[in-house]
Amino acid sequence: APNIMKYTDGLFLESAQEVAKNYPEIEYEEKLIDNMCMQLVQKPEIYDVLVLPNLYGDIISDLCAGLVGGLGLAPGANYGEKIAVFEAVHGSAPKYKGQNKVNPTAMLLSAKLMLEYLGEKKIAKKLENALVKVIREGENVTYDLGGTAGTKEMGKAVIRKLVSKLDS
């Protein structure tokens, strides 16, 4: 049962329970949001998919981003029946506009998810591999990854790796 916002959370819960009945092959479990936060911090590896109302999804996605190193690393995908939207979990981050310091990883990984969704799995994997190589090398990474590169420099480094992979 919902513990704080009983009406709106209750409606969401009832809807989730109804949908879950149609998919008995998919494991379904209910958690209170405060307990969910604790469990994600203690043992995040036991979760694959979380279905949450918007407010909780926003909070939980930021918490999960913190678990992997920050908002600059967290891609986002919202899947509908016929369309999908891909974006960095941090959103557009307008306060950093023009500063050339935001880590482009979240956006690049969101692009990778989009490519996979569109059936372009090979290029998605090449993009991911290029990004991973740049991060592992550590030379052209942003401040949050321990480097001194800006957004553009890191992005260009990924492009160079990607182009060399496409040529080979």
N, C-alpha and C. Protein backbone atom coordinates (compact mmCIF):
# COMPACT_ATOMS: atom_id res chain seq x y z
N ALA A 1 0.84 -1.19 0.00
CA ALA A 1 0.00 0.00 0.00
C ALA A 1 0.88 1.24 0.00
N PRO A 2 0.46 2.28 -0.68
CA PRO A 2 1.22 3.53 -0.70
C PRO A 2 1.36 4.09 0.71
N ASN A 3 2.50 4.73 0.99
CA ASN A 3 2.68 5.22 2.35
C ASN A 3 2.55 6.73 2.51
N ILE A 4 2.61 7.51 1.45
CA ILE A 4 2.53 8.97 1.60
C ILE A 4 1.40 9.55 0.74
N MET A 5 1.51 9.43 -0.54
CA MET A 5 0.54 10.03 -1.47
C MET A 5 -0.47 8.96 -1.88
N LYS A 6 -1.38 8.67 -0.97
CA LYS A 6 -2.25 7.50 -1.09
C LYS A 6 -3.14 7.49 -2.33
N TYR A 7 -3.65 8.64 -2.74
CA TYR A 7 -4.57 8.64 -3.88
C TYR A 7 -3.83 8.46 -5.20
N THR A 8 -2.85 9.32 -5.46
CA THR A 8 -2.15 9.20 -6.74
C THR A 8 -1.30 7.94 -6.79
N ASP A 9 -0.58 7.65 -5.73
CA ASP A 9 0.22 6.43 -5.70
C ASP A 9 -0.68 5.20 -5.76
N GLY A 10 -1.82 5.29 -5.12
CA GLY A 10 -2.77 4.17 -5.12
C GLY A 10 -3.28 3.87 -6.51
N LEU A 11 -3.59 4.90 -7.28
CA LEU A 11 -4.04 4.71 -8.65
C LEU A 11 -2.94 4.07 -9.49
N PHE A 12 -1.72 4.57 -9.35
CA PHE A 12 -0.60 4.00 -10.09
C PHE A 12 -0.41 2.54 -9.71
N LEU A 13 -0.45 2.25 -8.42
CA LEU A 13 -0.28 0.88 -7.94
C LEU A 13 -1.37 -0.04 -8.48
N GLU A 14 -2.61 0.41 -8.43
CA GLU A 14 -3.72 -0.40 -8.96
C GLU A 14 -3.53 -0.68 -10.45
N SER A 15 -3.10 0.32 -11.19
CA SER A 15 -2.86 0.15 -12.62
C SER A 15 -1.73 -0.84 -12.87
N ALA A 16 -0.65 -0.72 -12.11
CA ALA A 16 0.48 -1.64 -12.25
C ALA A 16 0.06 -3.07 -11.93
N GLN A 17 -0.71 -3.24 -10.88
CA GLN A 17 -1.19 -4.58 -10.51
C GLN A 17 -2.04 -5.18 -11.62
N GLU A 18 -2.88 -4.36 -12.21
CA GLU A 18 -3.76 -4.82 -13.30
C GLU A 18 -2.93 -5.26 -14.51
N VAL A 19 -1.97 -4.45 -14.89
CA VAL A 19 -1.11 -4.78 -16.03
C VAL A 19 -0.28 -6.02 -15.73
N ALA A 20 0.23 -6.13 -14.52
CA ALA A 20 1.07 -7.28 -14.14
C ALA A 20 0.32 -8.60 -14.30
N LYS A 21 -0.97 -8.58 -14.07
CA LYS A 21 -1.78 -9.81 -14.23
C LYS A 21 -1.73 -10.34 -15.66
N ASN A 22 -1.56 -9.44 -16.61
CA ASN A 22 -1.51 -9.83 -18.02
C ASN A 22 -0.15 -10.39 -18.45
N TYR A 23 0.84 -10.28 -17.57
CA TYR A 23 2.19 -10.74 -17.90
C TYR A 23 2.76 -11.56 -16.74
N PRO A 24 2.18 -12.73 -16.48
CA PRO A 24 2.62 -13.54 -15.34
C PRO A 24 4.07 -14.02 -15.46
N GLU A 25 4.61 -14.03 -16.68
CA GLU A 25 5.99 -14.48 -16.88
C GLU A 25 7.01 -13.43 -16.44
N ILE A 26 6.55 -12.20 -16.18
CA ILE A 26 7.45 -11.13 -15.73
C ILE A 26 7.31 -11.00 -14.22
N GLU A 27 8.45 -11.06 -13.54
CA GLU A 27 8.44 -10.93 -12.08
C GLU A 27 7.93 -9.54 -11.69
N TYR A 28 7.04 -9.50 -10.73
CA TYR A 28 6.44 -8.24 -10.28
C TYR A 28 6.57 -8.16 -8.77
N GLU A 29 7.06 -7.03 -8.30
CA GLU A 29 7.24 -6.84 -6.87
C GLU A 29 6.94 -5.38 -6.53
N GLU A 30 6.30 -5.15 -5.40
CA GLU A 30 5.98 -3.80 -4.96
C GLU A 30 6.91 -3.39 -3.83
N LYS A 31 7.33 -2.13 -3.86
CA LYS A 31 8.21 -1.58 -2.82
C LYS A 31 7.72 -0.19 -2.44
N LEU A 32 7.91 0.17 -1.19
CA LEU A 32 7.71 1.56 -0.78
C LEU A 32 8.92 2.35 -1.26
N ILE A 33 8.73 3.58 -1.65
CA ILE A 33 9.79 4.36 -2.27
C ILE A 33 10.99 4.56 -1.35
N ASP A 34 10.78 4.78 -0.07
CA ASP A 34 11.92 4.98 0.83
C ASP A 34 12.75 3.71 0.96
N ASN A 35 12.08 2.57 1.05
CA ASN A 35 12.79 1.29 1.12
C ASN A 35 13.50 1.00 -0.20
N MET A 36 12.88 1.37 -1.30
CA MET A 36 13.49 1.16 -2.62
C MET A 36 14.81 1.91 -2.72
N CYS A 37 14.85 3.15 -2.24
CA CYS A 37 16.08 3.94 -2.26
C CYS A 37 17.18 3.24 -1.47
N MET A 38 16.85 2.76 -0.29
CA MET A 38 17.84 2.07 0.53
C MET A 38 18.35 0.82 -0.18
N GLN A 39 17.45 0.04 -0.75
CA GLN A 39 17.86 -1.19 -1.42
C GLN A 39 18.72 -0.91 -2.65
N LEU A 40 18.41 0.15 -3.38
CA LEU A 40 19.22 0.49 -4.55
C LEU A 40 20.64 0.88 -4.15
N VAL A 41 20.79 1.54 -3.02
CA VAL A 41 22.12 1.90 -2.54
C VAL A 41 22.87 0.65 -2.07
N GLN A 42 22.18 -0.24 -1.36
CA GLN A 42 22.84 -1.41 -0.78
C GLN A 42 23.10 -2.52 -1.78
N LYS A 43 22.16 -2.78 -2.68
CA LYS A 43 22.33 -3.88 -3.64
C LYS A 43 21.65 -3.57 -4.97
N PRO A 44 22.19 -2.61 -5.70
CA PRO A 44 21.57 -2.20 -6.96
C PRO A 44 21.54 -3.31 -8.02
N GLU A 45 22.46 -4.23 -7.91
CA GLU A 45 22.58 -5.28 -8.93
C GLU A 45 21.39 -6.23 -8.99
N ILE A 46 20.52 -6.21 -7.99
CA ILE A 46 19.39 -7.15 -8.02
C ILE A 46 18.20 -6.60 -8.82
N TYR A 47 18.32 -5.38 -9.33
CA TYR A 47 17.21 -4.78 -10.08
C TYR A 47 17.57 -4.61 -11.55
N ASP A 48 16.59 -4.90 -12.41
CA ASP A 48 16.77 -4.71 -13.84
C ASP A 48 15.90 -3.56 -14.36
N VAL A 49 14.62 -3.59 -14.02
CA VAL A 49 13.66 -2.60 -14.50
C VAL A 49 12.83 -2.11 -13.33
N LEU A 50 12.67 -0.80 -13.25
CA LEU A 50 11.80 -0.20 -12.24
C LEU A 50 10.70 0.56 -12.97
N VAL A 51 9.48 0.38 -12.56
CA VAL A 51 8.35 1.10 -13.13
C VAL A 51 7.82 2.01 -12.03
N LEU A 52 7.90 3.33 -12.29
CA LEU A 52 7.61 4.31 -11.25
C LEU A 52 6.81 5.47 -11.80
N PRO A 53 6.01 6.13 -10.96
CA PRO A 53 5.40 7.39 -11.38
C PRO A 53 6.50 8.42 -11.64
N ASN A 54 6.19 9.46 -12.38
CA ASN A 54 7.17 10.44 -12.81
C ASN A 54 8.02 11.02 -11.67
N LEU A 55 7.40 11.48 -10.60
CA LEU A 55 8.15 12.09 -9.50
C LEU A 55 9.18 11.12 -8.93
N TYR A 56 8.75 9.91 -8.62
CA TYR A 56 9.66 8.93 -8.05
C TYR A 56 10.71 8.50 -9.07
N GLY A 57 10.31 8.40 -10.33
CA GLY A 57 11.27 8.04 -11.37
C GLY A 57 12.38 9.06 -11.49
N ASP A 58 12.03 10.34 -11.36
CA ASP A 58 13.02 11.40 -11.43
C ASP A 58 13.99 11.30 -10.26
N ILE A 59 13.47 11.09 -9.08
CA ILE A 59 14.31 10.97 -7.88
C ILE A 59 15.20 9.74 -7.96
N ILE A 60 14.61 8.61 -8.29
CA ILE A 60 15.35 7.35 -8.35
C ILE A 60 16.41 7.37 -9.45
N SER A 61 16.10 7.98 -10.60
CA SER A 61 17.10 8.03 -11.67
C SER A 61 18.32 8.84 -11.25
N ASP A 62 18.11 9.92 -10.50
CA ASP A 62 19.25 10.70 -10.00
C ASP A 62 20.03 9.90 -8.96
N LEU A 63 19.34 9.18 -8.10
CA LEU A 63 20.02 8.34 -7.11
C LEU A 63 20.88 7.29 -7.83
N CYS A 64 20.31 6.64 -8.83
CA CYS A 64 21.05 5.62 -9.57
C CYS A 64 22.24 6.22 -10.32
N ALA A 65 22.06 7.43 -10.85
CA ALA A 65 23.18 8.11 -11.52
C ALA A 65 24.31 8.33 -10.53
N GLY A 66 23.98 8.70 -9.31
CA GLY A 66 25.00 8.88 -8.28
C GLY A 66 25.74 7.59 -7.97
N LEU A 67 25.07 6.48 -8.08
CA LEU A 67 25.70 5.18 -7.81
C LEU A 67 26.75 4.81 -8.85
N VAL A 68 26.61 5.34 -10.07
CA VAL A 68 27.55 4.99 -11.13
C VAL A 68 28.54 6.11 -11.45
N GLY A 69 28.51 7.20 -10.70
CA GLY A 69 29.50 8.24 -10.91
C GLY A 69 28.95 9.62 -11.19
N GLY A 70 27.65 9.77 -11.34
CA GLY A 70 27.08 11.09 -11.52
C GLY A 70 26.15 11.19 -12.71
N LEU A 71 25.46 12.32 -12.78
CA LEU A 71 24.48 12.54 -13.84
C LEU A 71 25.10 12.57 -15.23
N GLY A 72 26.36 12.90 -15.32
CA GLY A 72 27.03 12.95 -16.62
C GLY A 72 27.20 11.60 -17.27
N LEU A 73 26.94 10.53 -16.53
CA LEU A 73 27.12 9.18 -17.06
C LEU A 73 25.82 8.45 -17.33
N ALA A 74 24.69 9.03 -16.97
CA ALA A 74 23.42 8.30 -16.98
C ALA A 74 22.54 8.62 -18.19
N PRO A 75 22.38 7.64 -19.09
CA PRO A 75 21.49 7.84 -20.23
C PRO A 75 20.04 7.66 -19.81
N GLY A 76 19.14 8.15 -20.63
CA GLY A 76 17.72 7.98 -20.33
C GLY A 76 16.95 7.56 -21.56
N ALA A 77 15.94 6.73 -21.35
CA ALA A 77 15.07 6.29 -22.43
C ALA A 77 13.66 6.15 -21.89
N ASN A 78 12.71 6.68 -22.62
CA ASN A 78 11.29 6.55 -22.28
C ASN A 78 10.61 5.87 -23.46
N TYR A 79 10.12 4.66 -23.23
CA TYR A 79 9.53 3.86 -24.30
C TYR A 79 8.02 3.89 -24.23
N GLY A 80 7.39 4.25 -25.33
CA GLY A 80 5.95 4.17 -25.45
C GLY A 80 5.58 3.02 -26.37
N GLU A 81 4.31 2.91 -26.69
CA GLU A 81 3.87 1.82 -27.56
C GLU A 81 4.41 1.97 -28.98
N LYS A 82 4.45 3.19 -29.49
CA LYS A 82 4.87 3.40 -30.88
C LYS A 82 6.07 4.32 -31.03
N ILE A 83 6.43 5.01 -29.97
CA ILE A 83 7.55 5.95 -30.05
C ILE A 83 8.40 5.83 -28.80
N ALA A 84 9.58 6.41 -28.88
CA ALA A 84 10.48 6.45 -27.73
C ALA A 84 11.22 7.79 -27.75
N VAL A 85 11.62 8.24 -26.57
CA VAL A 85 12.37 9.48 -26.42
C VAL A 85 13.64 9.14 -25.67
N PHE A 86 14.76 9.67 -26.15
CA PHE A 86 16.06 9.38 -25.54
C PHE A 86 16.71 10.69 -25.14
N GLU A 87 17.21 10.74 -23.92
CA GLU A 87 17.84 11.96 -23.41
C GLU A 87 18.72 11.60 -22.22
N ALA A 88 19.65 12.47 -21.92
CA ALA A 88 20.44 12.29 -20.72
C ALA A 88 19.53 12.44 -19.51
N VAL A 89 19.79 11.68 -18.46
CA VAL A 89 18.98 11.76 -17.25
C VAL A 89 18.97 13.19 -16.70
N HIS A 90 20.09 13.89 -16.84
CA HIS A 90 20.16 15.26 -16.30
C HIS A 90 19.35 16.27 -17.10
N GLY A 91 18.77 15.87 -18.21
CA GLY A 91 18.01 16.80 -19.03
C GLY A 91 18.93 17.72 -19.81
N SER A 92 18.47 18.90 -20.13
CA SER A 92 19.25 19.80 -20.97
C SER A 92 20.33 20.57 -20.21
N ALA A 93 20.28 20.58 -18.90
CA ALA A 93 21.27 21.27 -18.05
C ALA A 93 21.55 22.69 -18.54
N PRO A 94 20.51 23.54 -18.64
CA PRO A 94 20.69 24.88 -19.21
C PRO A 94 21.68 25.76 -18.44
N LYS A 95 21.87 25.50 -17.16
CA LYS A 95 22.80 26.36 -16.41
C LYS A 95 24.25 26.18 -16.88
N TYR A 96 24.52 25.11 -17.63
CA TYR A 96 25.88 24.87 -18.13
C TYR A 96 26.04 25.26 -19.60
N LYS A 97 25.00 25.84 -20.19
CA LYS A 97 25.03 26.20 -21.60
C LYS A 97 26.25 27.06 -21.92
N GLY A 98 26.97 26.65 -22.96
CA GLY A 98 28.11 27.43 -23.44
C GLY A 98 29.37 27.33 -22.60
N GLN A 99 29.38 26.54 -21.54
CA GLN A 99 30.54 26.47 -20.66
C GLN A 99 31.55 25.39 -21.06
N ASN A 100 31.19 24.51 -21.98
CA ASN A 100 32.10 23.47 -22.46
C ASN A 100 32.70 22.64 -21.33
N LYS A 101 31.85 22.25 -20.37
CA LYS A 101 32.40 21.44 -19.28
C LYS A 101 31.56 20.21 -18.93
N VAL A 102 30.39 20.10 -19.52
CA VAL A 102 29.50 18.98 -19.20
C VAL A 102 29.99 17.70 -19.87
N ASN A 103 30.01 16.63 -19.12
CA ASN A 103 30.39 15.32 -19.63
C ASN A 103 29.36 14.88 -20.69
N PRO A 104 29.80 14.58 -21.92
CA PRO A 104 28.86 14.17 -22.97
C PRO A 104 28.45 12.70 -22.92
N THR A 105 28.98 11.95 -21.97
CA THR A 105 28.73 10.50 -21.92
C THR A 105 27.25 10.17 -21.86
N ALA A 106 26.49 10.84 -21.01
CA ALA A 106 25.06 10.53 -20.88
C ALA A 106 24.33 10.73 -22.20
N MET A 107 24.67 11.79 -22.92
CA MET A 107 24.03 12.04 -24.22
C MET A 107 24.45 10.99 -25.24
N LEU A 108 25.73 10.64 -25.24
CA LEU A 108 26.22 9.64 -26.19
C LEU A 108 25.62 8.27 -25.91
N LEU A 109 25.48 7.92 -24.64
CA LEU A 109 24.85 6.64 -24.31
C LEU A 109 23.35 6.66 -24.62
N SER A 110 22.73 7.82 -24.50
CA SER A 110 21.33 7.95 -24.90
C SER A 110 21.21 7.75 -26.42
N ALA A 111 22.16 8.29 -27.16
CA ALA A 111 22.18 8.08 -28.62
C ALA A 111 22.38 6.61 -28.94
N LYS A 112 23.21 5.94 -28.17
CA LYS A 112 23.42 4.49 -28.35
C LYS A 112 22.10 3.74 -28.15
N LEU A 113 21.37 4.09 -27.10
CA LEU A 113 20.07 3.45 -26.85
C LEU A 113 19.11 3.70 -28.01
N MET A 114 19.14 4.92 -28.55
CA MET A 114 18.28 5.25 -29.67
C MET A 114 18.65 4.43 -30.90
N LEU A 115 19.94 4.31 -31.17
CA LEU A 115 20.39 3.51 -32.31
C LEU A 115 19.94 2.06 -32.17
N GLU A 116 20.05 1.52 -30.97
CA GLU A 116 19.58 0.15 -30.74
C GLU A 116 18.09 0.04 -31.00
N TYR A 117 17.34 0.99 -30.51
CA TYR A 117 15.89 1.02 -30.70
C TYR A 117 15.54 1.06 -32.19
N LEU A 118 16.34 1.76 -32.97
CA LEU A 118 16.10 1.89 -34.40
C LEU A 118 16.65 0.70 -35.19
N GLY A 119 17.22 -0.27 -34.48
CA GLY A 119 17.74 -1.47 -35.15
C GLY A 119 19.17 -1.35 -35.63
N GLU A 120 19.85 -0.27 -35.28
CA GLU A 120 21.23 -0.04 -35.70
C GLU A 120 22.19 -0.53 -34.62
N LYS A 121 22.14 -1.81 -34.35
CA LYS A 121 22.90 -2.39 -33.23
C LYS A 121 24.42 -2.34 -33.44
N LYS A 122 24.87 -2.53 -34.67
CA LYS A 122 26.32 -2.53 -34.93
C LYS A 122 26.93 -1.15 -34.67
N ILE A 123 26.30 -0.12 -35.20
CA ILE A 123 26.84 1.23 -35.00
C ILE A 123 26.69 1.64 -33.53
N ALA A 124 25.62 1.19 -32.88
CA ALA A 124 25.44 1.48 -31.45
C ALA A 124 26.59 0.89 -30.66
N LYS A 125 26.98 -0.32 -30.98
CA LYS A 125 28.09 -0.99 -30.27
C LYS A 125 29.41 -0.27 -30.56
N LYS A 126 29.59 0.17 -31.79
CA LYS A 126 30.82 0.90 -32.13
C LYS A 126 30.90 2.22 -31.37
N LEU A 127 29.77 2.90 -31.25
CA LEU A 127 29.73 4.15 -30.48
C LEU A 127 30.09 3.87 -29.03
N GLU A 128 29.48 2.86 -28.45
CA GLU A 128 29.77 2.50 -27.06
C GLU A 128 31.25 2.15 -26.89
N ASN A 129 31.80 1.35 -27.79
CA ASN A 129 33.21 0.96 -27.69
C ASN A 129 34.13 2.16 -27.79
N ALA A 130 33.82 3.09 -28.69
CA ALA A 130 34.64 4.30 -28.84
C ALA A 130 34.61 5.12 -27.56
N LEU A 131 33.44 5.27 -26.99
CA LEU A 131 33.29 6.03 -25.74
C LEU A 131 34.05 5.36 -24.60
N VAL A 132 33.90 4.06 -24.47
CA VAL A 132 34.59 3.31 -23.41
C VAL A 132 36.11 3.46 -23.55
N LYS A 133 36.59 3.40 -24.78
CA LYS A 133 38.03 3.53 -25.01
C LYS A 133 38.54 4.90 -24.57
N VAL A 134 37.81 5.95 -24.92
CA VAL A 134 38.20 7.31 -24.51
C VAL A 134 38.22 7.42 -22.99
N ILE A 135 37.21 6.89 -22.34
CA ILE A 135 37.15 6.96 -20.87
C ILE A 135 38.29 6.16 -20.25
N ARG A 136 38.55 4.98 -20.75
CA ARG A 136 39.65 4.15 -20.20
C ARG A 136 41.00 4.82 -20.37
N GLU A 137 41.22 5.45 -21.52
CA GLU A 137 42.49 6.13 -21.76
C GLU A 137 42.65 7.31 -20.81
N GLY A 138 41.56 7.97 -20.46
CA GLY A 138 41.57 9.04 -19.46
C GLY A 138 42.21 10.35 -19.87
N GLU A 139 42.62 10.49 -21.12
CA GLU A 139 43.30 11.71 -21.56
C GLU A 139 42.34 12.81 -21.96
N ASN A 140 41.24 12.45 -22.59
CA ASN A 140 40.29 13.43 -23.10
C ASN A 140 38.94 13.28 -22.42
N VAL A 141 38.96 13.36 -21.10
CA VAL A 141 37.73 13.22 -20.33
C VAL A 141 37.48 14.48 -19.50
N THR A 142 36.24 14.68 -19.14
CA THR A 142 35.83 15.87 -18.39
C THR A 142 36.22 15.77 -16.92
N TYR A 143 36.07 16.88 -16.23
CA TYR A 143 36.50 16.99 -14.83
C TYR A 143 35.89 15.93 -13.92
N ASP A 144 34.64 15.56 -14.16
CA ASP A 144 33.99 14.58 -13.29
C ASP A 144 34.57 13.18 -13.44
N LEU A 145 35.34 12.98 -14.51
CA LEU A 145 36.01 11.69 -14.72
C LEU A 145 37.51 11.81 -14.42
N GLY A 146 37.90 12.92 -13.81
CA GLY A 146 39.29 13.12 -13.42
C GLY A 146 40.16 13.77 -14.48
N GLY A 147 39.56 14.29 -15.53
CA GLY A 147 40.33 14.91 -16.60
C GLY A 147 40.18 16.41 -16.65
N THR A 148 40.73 16.99 -17.70
CA THR A 148 40.67 18.44 -17.87
C THR A 148 40.02 18.83 -19.19
N ALA A 149 39.58 17.87 -19.97
CA ALA A 149 38.96 18.16 -21.27
C ALA A 149 37.58 18.77 -21.08
N GLY A 150 37.18 19.53 -22.06
CA GLY A 150 35.83 20.06 -22.07
C GLY A 150 34.91 19.13 -22.83
N THR A 151 33.66 19.52 -22.92
CA THR A 151 32.65 18.73 -23.64
C THR A 151 33.09 18.48 -25.07
N LYS A 152 33.52 19.55 -25.76
CA LYS A 152 33.89 19.43 -27.17
C LYS A 152 35.10 18.51 -27.36
N GLU A 153 36.10 18.66 -26.51
CA GLU A 153 37.31 17.84 -26.64
C GLU A 153 37.00 16.36 -26.43
N MET A 154 36.19 16.07 -25.43
CA MET A 154 35.83 14.67 -25.19
C MET A 154 34.99 14.13 -26.34
N GLY A 155 34.04 14.93 -26.79
CA GLY A 155 33.21 14.51 -27.92
C GLY A 155 34.04 14.24 -29.17
N LYS A 156 35.00 15.13 -29.46
CA LYS A 156 35.86 14.94 -30.63
C LYS A 156 36.73 13.70 -30.48
N ALA A 157 37.18 13.41 -29.27
CA ALA A 157 37.98 12.19 -29.03
C ALA A 157 37.15 10.95 -29.33
N VAL A 158 35.89 10.96 -28.92
CA VAL A 158 35.00 9.83 -29.20
C VAL A 158 34.78 9.71 -30.70
N ILE A 159 34.58 10.84 -31.37
CA ILE A 159 34.38 10.82 -32.83
C ILE A 159 35.61 10.24 -33.53
N ARG A 160 36.80 10.65 -33.10
CA ARG A 160 38.03 10.11 -33.71
C ARG A 160 38.09 8.59 -33.57
N LYS A 161 37.77 8.09 -32.38
CA LYS A 161 37.77 6.63 -32.16
C LYS A 161 36.70 5.97 -33.02
N LEU A 162 35.55 6.57 -33.08
CA LEU A 162 34.44 6.01 -33.84
C LEU A 162 34.77 5.98 -35.34
N VAL A 163 35.32 7.06 -35.86
CA VAL A 163 35.67 7.13 -37.28
C VAL A 163 36.73 6.09 -37.60
N SER A 164 37.72 5.92 -36.73
CA SER A 164 38.75 4.92 -36.99
C SER A 164 38.16 3.51 -36.99
N LYS A 165 37.14 3.26 -36.18
CA LYS A 165 36.45 1.96 -36.15
C LYS A 165 35.62 1.77 -37.42
N LEU A 166 34.99 2.83 -37.89
CA LEU A 166 34.16 2.73 -39.09
C LEU A 166 35.01 2.49 -40.33
N ASP A 167 36.22 3.06 -40.33
CA ASP A 167 37.12 2.88 -41.47
C ASP A 167 37.73 1.48 -41.51
N SER A 168 37.81 0.83 -40.35
CA SER A 168 38.45 -0.49 -40.31
C SER A 168 37.48 -1.62 -40.52
